[in-house]
Amino acid sequence: MSLAAFLLALGTTCRITRFITKDTLAAGFRTWVADRFGDDSRPTYLVNCGWCTSTWVAAAIAVYASLLHTTAWFHLPATALTLSYLAGVASRWLD
């Protein structure tokens, strides 16, 4: 895998992890997990812990990237997600 593909996979992992664990749009999903499994359950902890979630997201992205890293099926969504993550980080610094 090239350095560019690795960096896109990294940015994609960061953005998806952030979405699952912190984004308001995924709050309903996190609430559903807590309602289904309990507030103190491991699944609830998983969807609220960035370190924990990123392990599983990274594994999925690594498989996806290893299979498709030379195609637009990887580059287009990975670029969009990486740029989204970087825009969020930049807005925190600039605000």
PDB file of N, CA and C in Angstrom:
ATOM      1  N   MET A   1       0.845  -1.173   0.000  1.00  0.00           N
ATOM      2  CA  MET A   1       0.000   0.000   0.000  1.00  0.00           C
ATOM      3  C   MET A   1       0.892   1.237   0.000  1.00  0.00           C
ATOM      4  N   SER A   2       0.524   2.223  -0.765  1.00  0.00           N
ATOM      5  CA  SER A   2       1.299   3.454  -0.861  1.00  0.00           C
ATOM      6  C   SER A   2       1.098   4.320   0.383  1.00  0.00           C
ATOM      7  N   LEU A   3       1.977   5.299   0.541  1.00  0.00           N
ATOM      8  CA  LEU A   3       1.849   6.242   1.654  1.00  0.00           C
ATOM      9  C   LEU A   3       0.542   7.021   1.539  1.00  0.00           C
ATOM     10  N   ALA A   4       0.185   7.410   0.326  1.00  0.00           N
ATOM     11  CA  ALA A   4      -1.067   8.153   0.128  1.00  0.00           C
ATOM     12  C   ALA A   4      -2.270   7.317   0.553  1.00  0.00           C
ATOM     13  N   ALA A   5      -2.294   6.047   0.174  1.00  0.00           N
ATOM     14  CA  ALA A   5      -3.404   5.167   0.562  1.00  0.00           C
ATOM     15  C   ALA A   5      -3.430   4.987   2.072  1.00  0.00           C
ATOM     16  N   PHE A   6      -2.261   4.856   2.684  1.00  0.00           N
ATOM     17  CA  PHE A   6      -2.191   4.728   4.138  1.00  0.00           C
ATOM     18  C   PHE A   6      -2.760   5.971   4.818  1.00  0.00           C
ATOM     19  N   LEU A   7      -2.368   7.156   4.342  1.00  0.00           N
ATOM     20  CA  LEU A   7      -2.857   8.393   4.947  1.00  0.00           C
ATOM     21  C   LEU A   7      -4.359   8.561   4.749  1.00  0.00           C
ATOM     22  N   LEU A   8      -4.865   8.152   3.595  1.00  0.00           N
ATOM     23  CA  LEU A   8      -6.315   8.194   3.372  1.00  0.00           C
ATOM     24  C   LEU A   8      -7.031   7.211   4.301  1.00  0.00           C
ATOM     25  N   ALA A   9      -6.459   6.042   4.490  1.00  0.00           N
ATOM     26  CA  ALA A   9      -7.047   5.066   5.410  1.00  0.00           C
ATOM     27  C   ALA A   9      -7.028   5.605   6.840  1.00  0.00           C
ATOM     28  N   LEU A  10      -5.967   6.278   7.209  1.00  0.00           N
ATOM     29  CA  LEU A  10      -5.874   6.887   8.540  1.00  0.00           C
ATOM     30  C   LEU A  10      -6.953   7.951   8.729  1.00  0.00           C
ATOM     31  N   GLY A  11      -7.075   8.850   7.770  1.00  0.00           N
ATOM     32  CA  GLY A  11      -8.090   9.899   7.858  1.00  0.00           C
ATOM     33  C   GLY A  11      -9.496   9.329   7.890  1.00  0.00           C
ATOM     34  N   THR A  12      -9.731   8.290   7.100  1.00  0.00           N
ATOM     35  CA  THR A  12     -11.032   7.631   7.077  1.00  0.00           C
ATOM     36  C   THR A  12     -11.342   6.995   8.426  1.00  0.00           C
ATOM     37  N   THR A  13     -10.359   6.334   9.005  1.00  0.00           N
ATOM     38  CA  THR A  13     -10.529   5.724  10.322  1.00  0.00           C
ATOM     39  C   THR A  13     -10.849   6.779  11.374  1.00  0.00           C
ATOM     40  N   CYS A  14     -10.132   7.885  11.341  1.00  0.00           N
ATOM     41  CA  CYS A  14     -10.376   8.966  12.302  1.00  0.00           C
ATOM     42  C   CYS A  14     -11.786   9.520  12.160  1.00  0.00           C
ATOM     43  N   ARG A  15     -12.224   9.752  10.934  1.00  0.00           N
ATOM     44  CA  ARG A  15     -13.546  10.363  10.729  1.00  0.00           C
ATOM     45  C   ARG A  15     -14.678   9.423  11.115  1.00  0.00           C
ATOM     46  N   ILE A  16     -14.594   8.169  10.706  1.00  0.00           N
ATOM     47  CA  ILE A  16     -15.655   7.220  11.046  1.00  0.00           C
ATOM     48  C   ILE A  16     -15.715   6.990  12.551  1.00  0.00           C
ATOM     49  N   THR A  17     -14.547   6.884  13.182  1.00  0.00           N
ATOM     50  CA  THR A  17     -14.498   6.710  14.636  1.00  0.00           C
ATOM     51  C   THR A  17     -15.132   7.905  15.333  1.00  0.00           C
ATOM     52  N   ARG A  18     -14.786   9.086  14.896  1.00  0.00           N
ATOM     53  CA  ARG A  18     -15.340  10.305  15.490  1.00  0.00           C
ATOM     54  C   ARG A  18     -16.854  10.343  15.299  1.00  0.00           C
ATOM     55  N   PHE A  19     -17.313   9.974  14.116  1.00  0.00           N
ATOM     56  CA  PHE A  19     -18.747   9.962  13.847  1.00  0.00           C
ATOM     57  C   PHE A  19     -19.477   9.027  14.806  1.00  0.00           C
ATOM     58  N   ILE A  20     -18.970   7.814  14.950  1.00  0.00           N
ATOM     59  CA  ILE A  20     -19.631   6.824  15.811  1.00  0.00           C
ATOM     60  C   ILE A  20     -19.628   7.255  17.269  1.00  0.00           C
ATOM     61  N   THR A  21     -18.507   7.755  17.757  1.00  0.00           N
ATOM     62  CA  THR A  21     -18.362   7.993  19.196  1.00  0.00           C
ATOM     63  C   THR A  21     -18.777   9.380  19.668  1.00  0.00           C
ATOM     64  N   LYS A  22     -18.790  10.370  18.791  1.00  0.00           N
ATOM     65  CA  LYS A  22     -19.030  11.744  19.258  1.00  0.00           C
ATOM     66  C   LYS A  22     -20.087  12.527  18.496  1.00  0.00           C
ATOM     67  N   ASP A  23     -20.335  12.201  17.247  1.00  0.00           N
ATOM     68  CA  ASP A  23     -21.195  13.024  16.406  1.00  0.00           C
ATOM     69  C   ASP A  23     -22.651  12.979  16.861  1.00  0.00           C
ATOM     70  N   THR A  24     -23.310  14.109  16.823  1.00  0.00           N
ATOM     71  CA  THR A  24     -24.725  14.211  17.195  1.00  0.00           C
ATOM     72  C   THR A  24     -25.591  13.328  16.308  1.00  0.00           C
ATOM     73  N   LEU A  25     -25.245  13.205  15.040  1.00  0.00           N
ATOM     74  CA  LEU A  25     -26.034  12.385  14.124  1.00  0.00           C
ATOM     75  C   LEU A  25     -26.024  10.906  14.494  1.00  0.00           C
ATOM     76  N   ALA A  26     -25.014  10.458  15.209  1.00  0.00           N
ATOM     77  CA  ALA A  26     -24.948   9.058  15.637  1.00  0.00           C
ATOM     78  C   ALA A  26     -25.421   8.877  17.080  1.00  0.00           C
ATOM     79  N   ALA A  27     -25.895   9.936  17.709  1.00  0.00           N
ATOM     80  CA  ALA A  27     -26.352   9.845  19.105  1.00  0.00           C
ATOM     81  C   ALA A  27     -27.485   8.839  19.251  1.00  0.00           C
ATOM     82  N   GLY A  28     -28.373   8.784  18.280  1.00  0.00           N
ATOM     83  CA  GLY A  28     -29.473   7.820  18.330  1.00  0.00           C
ATOM     84  C   GLY A  28     -28.968   6.389  18.321  1.00  0.00           C
ATOM     85  N   PHE A  29     -27.936   6.140  17.545  1.00  0.00           N
ATOM     86  CA  PHE A  29     -27.329   4.804  17.517  1.00  0.00           C
ATOM     87  C   PHE A  29     -26.720   4.465  18.865  1.00  0.00           C
ATOM     88  N   ARG A  30     -25.989   5.403  19.455  1.00  0.00           N
ATOM     89  CA  ARG A  30     -25.373   5.155  20.765  1.00  0.00           C
ATOM     90  C   ARG A  30     -26.453   4.935  21.831  1.00  0.00           C
ATOM     91  N   THR A  31     -27.535   5.697  21.759  1.00  0.00           N
ATOM     92  CA  THR A  31     -28.646   5.517  22.695  1.00  0.00           C
ATOM     93  C   THR A  31     -29.299   4.160  22.504  1.00  0.00           C
ATOM     94  N   TRP A  32     -29.498   3.765  21.263  1.00  0.00           N
ATOM     95  CA  TRP A  32     -30.093   2.453  20.971  1.00  0.00           C
ATOM     96  C   TRP A  32     -29.230   1.339  21.564  1.00  0.00           C
ATOM     97  N   VAL A  33     -27.907   1.440  21.403  1.00  0.00           N
ATOM     98  CA  VAL A  33     -27.008   0.419  21.966  1.00  0.00           C
ATOM     99  C   VAL A  33     -27.143   0.383  23.482  1.00  0.00           C
ATOM    100  N   ALA A  34     -27.176   1.555  24.121  1.00  0.00           N
ATOM    101  CA  ALA A  34     -27.310   1.609  25.586  1.00  0.00           C
ATOM    102  C   ALA A  34     -28.652   1.036  26.034  1.00  0.00           C
ATOM    103  N   ASP A  35     -29.715   1.346  25.304  1.00  0.00           N
ATOM    104  CA  ASP A  35     -31.039   0.814  25.646  1.00  0.00           C
ATOM    105  C   ASP A  35     -31.092  -0.698  25.461  1.00  0.00           C
ATOM    106  N   ARG A  36     -30.451  -1.161  24.436  1.00  0.00           N
ATOM    107  CA  ARG A  36     -30.490  -2.594  24.099  1.00  0.00           C
ATOM    108  C   ARG A  36     -29.641  -3.432  25.045  1.00  0.00           C
ATOM    109  N   PHE A  37     -28.442  -2.931  25.380  1.00  0.00           N
ATOM    110  CA  PHE A  37     -27.480  -3.730  26.148  1.00  0.00           C
ATOM    111  C   PHE A  37     -27.238  -3.228  27.568  1.00  0.00           C
ATOM    112  N   GLY A  38     -27.722  -2.043  27.902  1.00  0.00           N
ATOM    113  CA  GLY A  38     -27.508  -1.477  29.235  1.00  0.00           C
ATOM    114  C   GLY A  38     -26.405  -0.436  29.231  1.00  0.00           C
ATOM    115  N   ASP A  39     -26.549   0.546  30.119  1.00  0.00           N
ATOM    116  CA  ASP A  39     -25.590   1.652  30.173  1.00  0.00           C
ATOM    117  C   ASP A  39     -24.170   1.217  30.529  1.00  0.00           C
ATOM    118  N   ASP A  40     -24.039   0.161  31.312  1.00  0.00           N
ATOM    119  CA  ASP A  40     -22.714  -0.283  31.749  1.00  0.00           C
ATOM    120  C   ASP A  40     -22.190  -1.476  30.963  1.00  0.00           C
ATOM    121  N   SER A  41     -22.774  -1.745  29.819  1.00  0.00           N
ATOM    122  CA  SER A  41     -22.370  -2.917  29.030  1.00  0.00           C
ATOM    123  C   SER A  41     -21.130  -2.633  28.180  1.00  0.00           C
ATOM    124  N   ARG A  42     -20.507  -3.687  27.739  1.00  0.00           N
ATOM    125  CA  ARG A  42     -19.347  -3.552  26.856  1.00  0.00           C
ATOM    126  C   ARG A  42     -19.705  -2.954  25.498  1.00  0.00           C
ATOM    127  N   PRO A  43     -20.827  -3.363  24.881  1.00  0.00           N
ATOM    128  CA  PRO A  43     -21.185  -2.712  23.610  1.00  0.00           C
ATOM    129  C   PRO A  43     -21.392  -1.196  23.757  1.00  0.00           C
ATOM    130  N   THR A  44     -22.010  -0.774  24.859  1.00  0.00           N
ATOM    131  CA  THR A  44     -22.199   0.658  25.086  1.00  0.00           C
ATOM    132  C   THR A  44     -20.865   1.354  25.277  1.00  0.00           C
ATOM    133  N   TYR A  45     -19.990   0.738  26.024  1.00  0.00           N
ATOM    134  CA  TYR A  45     -18.648   1.295  26.202  1.00  0.00           C
ATOM    135  C   TYR A  45     -17.941   1.397  24.853  1.00  0.00           C
ATOM    136  N   LEU A  46     -18.068   0.361  24.049  1.00  0.00           N
ATOM    137  CA  LEU A  46     -17.411   0.329  22.735  1.00  0.00           C
ATOM    138  C   LEU A  46     -17.822   1.511  21.869  1.00  0.00           C
ATOM    139  N   VAL A  47     -19.114   1.807  21.777  1.00  0.00           N
ATOM    140  CA  VAL A  47     -19.564   2.876  20.876  1.00  0.00           C
ATOM    141  C   VAL A  47     -19.347   4.271  21.456  1.00  0.00           C
ATOM    142  N   ASN A  48     -18.868   4.349  22.674  1.00  0.00           N
ATOM    143  CA  ASN A  48     -18.554   5.640  23.283  1.00  0.00           C
ATOM    144  C   ASN A  48     -17.058   5.862  23.477  1.00  0.00           C
ATOM    145  N   CYS A  49     -16.253   4.864  23.224  1.00  0.00           N
ATOM    146  CA  CYS A  49     -14.810   4.934  23.443  1.00  0.00           C
ATOM    147  C   CYS A  49     -14.083   5.032  22.102  1.00  0.00           C
ATOM    148  N   GLY A  50     -13.433   6.168  21.847  1.00  0.00           N
ATOM    149  CA  GLY A  50     -12.710   6.356  20.596  1.00  0.00           C
ATOM    150  C   GLY A  50     -11.588   5.360  20.386  1.00  0.00           C
ATOM    151  N   TRP A  51     -10.856   5.043  21.447  1.00  0.00           N
ATOM    152  CA  TRP A  51      -9.770   4.067  21.346  1.00  0.00           C
ATOM    153  C   TRP A  51     -10.313   2.694  20.957  1.00  0.00           C
ATOM    154  N   CYS A  52     -11.403   2.310  21.584  1.00  0.00           N
ATOM    155  CA  CYS A  52     -11.997   0.986  21.335  1.00  0.00           C
ATOM    156  C   CYS A  52     -12.591   0.901  19.937  1.00  0.00           C
ATOM    157  N   THR A  53     -13.390   1.882  19.590  1.00  0.00           N
ATOM    158  CA  THR A  53     -14.048   1.880  18.286  1.00  0.00           C
ATOM    159  C   THR A  53     -13.031   1.938  17.164  1.00  0.00           C
ATOM    160  N   SER A  54     -11.976   2.730  17.337  1.00  0.00           N
ATOM    161  CA  SER A  54     -10.993   2.887  16.259  1.00  0.00           C
ATOM    162  C   SER A  54     -10.292   1.573  15.906  1.00  0.00           C
ATOM    163  N   THR A  55     -10.160   0.679  16.860  1.00  0.00           N
ATOM    164  CA  THR A  55      -9.543  -0.622  16.572  1.00  0.00           C
ATOM    165  C   THR A  55     -10.356  -1.377  15.530  1.00  0.00           C
ATOM    166  N   TRP A  56     -11.668  -1.405  15.731  1.00  0.00           N
ATOM    167  CA  TRP A  56     -12.543  -2.139  14.825  1.00  0.00           C
ATOM    168  C   TRP A  56     -12.729  -1.410  13.498  1.00  0.00           C
ATOM    169  N   VAL A  57     -12.837  -0.096  13.563  1.00  0.00           N
ATOM    170  CA  VAL A  57     -12.952   0.684  12.326  1.00  0.00           C
ATOM    171  C   VAL A  57     -11.670   0.537  11.506  1.00  0.00           C
ATOM    172  N   ALA A  58     -10.526   0.631  12.169  1.00  0.00           N
ATOM    173  CA  ALA A  58      -9.245   0.502  11.464  1.00  0.00           C
ATOM    174  C   ALA A  58      -9.098  -0.868  10.814  1.00  0.00           C
ATOM    175  N   ALA A  59      -9.536  -1.909  11.497  1.00  0.00           N
ATOM    176  CA  ALA A  59      -9.463  -3.253  10.923  1.00  0.00           C
ATOM    177  C   ALA A  59     -10.306  -3.342   9.652  1.00  0.00           C
ATOM    178  N   ALA A  60     -11.510  -2.797   9.702  1.00  0.00           N
ATOM    179  CA  ALA A  60     -12.381  -2.824   8.522  1.00  0.00           C
ATOM    180  C   ALA A  60     -11.794  -1.989   7.392  1.00  0.00           C
ATOM    181  N   ILE A  61     -11.279  -0.819   7.711  1.00  0.00           N
ATOM    182  CA  ILE A  61     -10.694   0.049   6.690  1.00  0.00           C
ATOM    183  C   ILE A  61      -9.432  -0.571   6.116  1.00  0.00           C
ATOM    184  N   ALA A  62      -8.636  -1.241   6.939  1.00  0.00           N
ATOM    185  CA  ALA A  62      -7.421  -1.897   6.445  1.00  0.00           C
ATOM    186  C   ALA A  62      -7.756  -2.979   5.425  1.00  0.00           C
ATOM    187  N   VAL A  63      -8.777  -3.748   5.700  1.00  0.00           N
ATOM    188  CA  VAL A  63      -9.208  -4.776   4.740  1.00  0.00           C
ATOM    189  C   VAL A  63      -9.707  -4.110   3.464  1.00  0.00           C
ATOM    190  N   TYR A  64     -10.571  -3.117   3.610  1.00  0.00           N
ATOM    191  CA  TYR A  64     -11.122  -2.393   2.464  1.00  0.00           C
ATOM    192  C   TYR A  64      -9.998  -1.760   1.638  1.00  0.00           C
ATOM    193  N   ALA A  65      -9.061  -1.116   2.304  1.00  0.00           N
ATOM    194  CA  ALA A  65      -7.967  -0.447   1.611  1.00  0.00           C
ATOM    195  C   ALA A  65      -7.040  -1.452   0.925  1.00  0.00           C
ATOM    196  N   SER A  66      -6.786  -2.570   1.582  1.00  0.00           N
ATOM    197  CA  SER A  66      -5.880  -3.551   0.978  1.00  0.00           C
ATOM    198  C   SER A  66      -6.473  -4.158  -0.290  1.00  0.00           C
ATOM    199  N   LEU A  67      -7.797  -4.241  -0.341  1.00  0.00           N
ATOM    200  CA  LEU A  67      -8.456  -4.804  -1.519  1.00  0.00           C
ATOM    201  C   LEU A  67      -8.646  -3.778  -2.631  1.00  0.00           C
ATOM    202  N   LEU A  68      -8.888  -2.516  -2.258  1.00  0.00           N
ATOM    203  CA  LEU A  68      -9.305  -1.525  -3.255  1.00  0.00           C
ATOM    204  C   LEU A  68      -8.426  -0.278  -3.323  1.00  0.00           C
ATOM    205  N   HIS A  69      -7.230  -0.299  -2.718  1.00  0.00           N
ATOM    206  CA  HIS A  69      -6.432   0.925  -2.591  1.00  0.00           C
ATOM    207  C   HIS A  69      -6.039   1.570  -3.916  1.00  0.00           C
ATOM    208  N   THR A  70      -6.129   0.868  -5.008  1.00  0.00           N
ATOM    209  CA  THR A  70      -5.758   1.459  -6.302  1.00  0.00           C
ATOM    210  C   THR A  70      -6.980   1.872  -7.118  1.00  0.00           C
ATOM    211  N   THR A  71      -8.160   1.802  -6.542  1.00  0.00           N
ATOM    212  CA  THR A  71      -9.373   2.092  -7.301  1.00  0.00           C
ATOM    213  C   THR A  71     -10.096   3.327  -6.768  1.00  0.00           C
ATOM    214  N   ALA A  72     -10.978   3.854  -7.594  1.00  0.00           N
ATOM    215  CA  ALA A  72     -11.802   4.987  -7.179  1.00  0.00           C
ATOM    216  C   ALA A  72     -12.755   4.593  -6.052  1.00  0.00           C
ATOM    217  N   TRP A  73     -13.082   3.296  -5.957  1.00  0.00           N
ATOM    218  CA  TRP A  73     -13.962   2.826  -4.877  1.00  0.00           C
ATOM    219  C   TRP A  73     -13.328   3.051  -3.510  1.00  0.00           C
ATOM    220  N   PHE A  74     -12.017   3.140  -3.454  1.00  0.00           N
ATOM    221  CA  PHE A  74     -11.331   3.483  -2.208  1.00  0.00           C
ATOM    222  C   PHE A  74     -11.047   4.979  -2.158  1.00  0.00           C
ATOM    223  N   HIS A  75     -10.460   5.517  -3.210  1.00  0.00           N
ATOM    224  CA  HIS A  75      -9.972   6.899  -3.187  1.00  0.00           C
ATOM    225  C   HIS A  75     -11.063   7.946  -2.985  1.00  0.00           C
ATOM    226  N   LEU A  76     -12.179   7.819  -3.635  1.00  0.00           N
ATOM    227  CA  LEU A  76     -13.220   8.854  -3.519  1.00  0.00           C
ATOM    228  C   LEU A  76     -13.819   8.940  -2.115  1.00  0.00           C
ATOM    229  N   PRO A  77     -14.333   7.845  -1.547  1.00  0.00           N
ATOM    230  CA  PRO A  77     -14.879   7.978  -0.184  1.00  0.00           C
ATOM    231  C   PRO A  77     -13.797   8.266   0.851  1.00  0.00           C
ATOM    232  N   ALA A  78     -12.620   7.681   0.686  1.00  0.00           N
ATOM    233  CA  ALA A  78     -11.544   7.912   1.659  1.00  0.00           C
ATOM    234  C   ALA A  78     -11.082   9.362   1.627  1.00  0.00           C
ATOM    235  N   THR A  79     -11.004   9.942   0.446  1.00  0.00           N
ATOM    236  CA  THR A  79     -10.617  11.353   0.333  1.00  0.00           C
ATOM    237  C   THR A  79     -11.675  12.243   0.976  1.00  0.00           C
ATOM    238  N   ALA A  80     -12.937  11.985   0.692  1.00  0.00           N
ATOM    239  CA  ALA A  80     -14.014  12.794   1.278  1.00  0.00           C
ATOM    240  C   ALA A  80     -14.009  12.707   2.806  1.00  0.00           C
ATOM    241  N   LEU A  81     -13.868  11.501   3.339  1.00  0.00           N
ATOM    242  CA  LEU A  81     -13.869  11.329   4.794  1.00  0.00           C
ATOM    243  C   LEU A  81     -12.639  11.948   5.440  1.00  0.00           C
ATOM    244  N   THR A  82     -11.492  11.821   4.792  1.00  0.00           N
ATOM    245  CA  THR A  82     -10.260  12.419   5.316  1.00  0.00           C
ATOM    246  C   THR A  82     -10.364  13.940   5.314  1.00  0.00           C
ATOM    247  N   LEU A  83     -10.861  14.514   4.222  1.00  0.00           N
ATOM    248  CA  LEU A  83     -11.030  15.965   4.167  1.00  0.00           C
ATOM    249  C   LEU A  83     -12.039  16.437   5.212  1.00  0.00           C
ATOM    250  N   SER A  84     -13.097  15.685   5.422  1.00  0.00           N
ATOM    251  CA  SER A  84     -14.078  16.023   6.448  1.00  0.00           C
ATOM    252  C   SER A  84     -13.429  16.046   7.828  1.00  0.00           C
ATOM    253  N   TYR A  85     -12.620  15.036   8.104  1.00  0.00           N
ATOM    254  CA  TYR A  85     -11.947  14.987   9.403  1.00  0.00           C
ATOM    255  C   TYR A  85     -10.988  16.170   9.564  1.00  0.00           C
ATOM    256  N   LEU A  86     -10.201  16.447   8.539  1.00  0.00           N
ATOM    257  CA  LEU A  86      -9.244  17.550   8.609  1.00  0.00           C
ATOM    258  C   LEU A  86      -9.946  18.894   8.734  1.00  0.00           C
ATOM    259  N   ALA A  87     -11.093  19.057   8.076  1.00  0.00           N
ATOM    260  CA  ALA A  87     -11.859  20.297   8.216  1.00  0.00           C
ATOM    261  C   ALA A  87     -12.353  20.461   9.658  1.00  0.00           C
ATOM    262  N   GLY A  88     -12.782  19.366  10.274  1.00  0.00           N
ATOM    263  CA  GLY A  88     -13.202  19.434  11.676  1.00  0.00           C
ATOM    264  C   GLY A  88     -12.077  19.802  12.603  1.00  0.00           C
ATOM    265  N   VAL A  89     -10.916  19.213  12.385  1.00  0.00           N
ATOM    266  CA  VAL A  89      -9.743  19.533  13.212  1.00  0.00           C
ATOM    267  C   VAL A  89      -9.345  20.996  13.005  1.00  0.00           C
ATOM    268  N   ALA A  90      -9.333  21.452  11.757  1.00  0.00           N
ATOM    269  CA  ALA A  90      -8.964  22.833  11.470  1.00  0.00           C
ATOM    270  C   ALA A  90      -9.957  23.813  12.086  1.00  0.00           C
ATOM    271  N   SER A  91     -11.235  23.484  12.042  1.00  0.00           N
ATOM    272  CA  SER A  91     -12.230  24.409  12.605  1.00  0.00           C
ATOM    273  C   SER A  91     -12.058  24.544  14.112  1.00  0.00           C
ATOM    274  N   ARG A  92     -11.637  23.485  14.771  1.00  0.00           N
ATOM    275  CA  ARG A  92     -11.371  23.592  16.221  1.00  0.00           C
ATOM    276  C   ARG A  92     -10.225  24.535  16.499  1.00  0.00           C
ATOM    277  N   TRP A  93      -9.168  24.450  15.683  1.00  0.00           N
ATOM    278  CA  TRP A  93      -8.017  25.324  15.885  1.00  0.00           C
ATOM    279  C   TRP A  93      -8.337  26.769  15.564  1.00  0.00           C
ATOM    280  N   LEU A  94      -9.190  26.970  14.556  1.00  0.00           N
ATOM    281  CA  LEU A  94      -9.479  28.325  14.096  1.00  0.00           C
ATOM    282  C   LEU A  94     -10.581  29.007  14.897  1.00  0.00           C
ATOM    283  N   ASP A  95     -11.436  28.247  15.572  1.00  0.00           N
ATOM    284  CA  ASP A  95     -12.540  28.849  16.319  1.00  0.00           C
ATOM    285  C   ASP A  95     -12.119  29.349  17.681  1.00  0.00           C
TER     286      ASP A  95
END
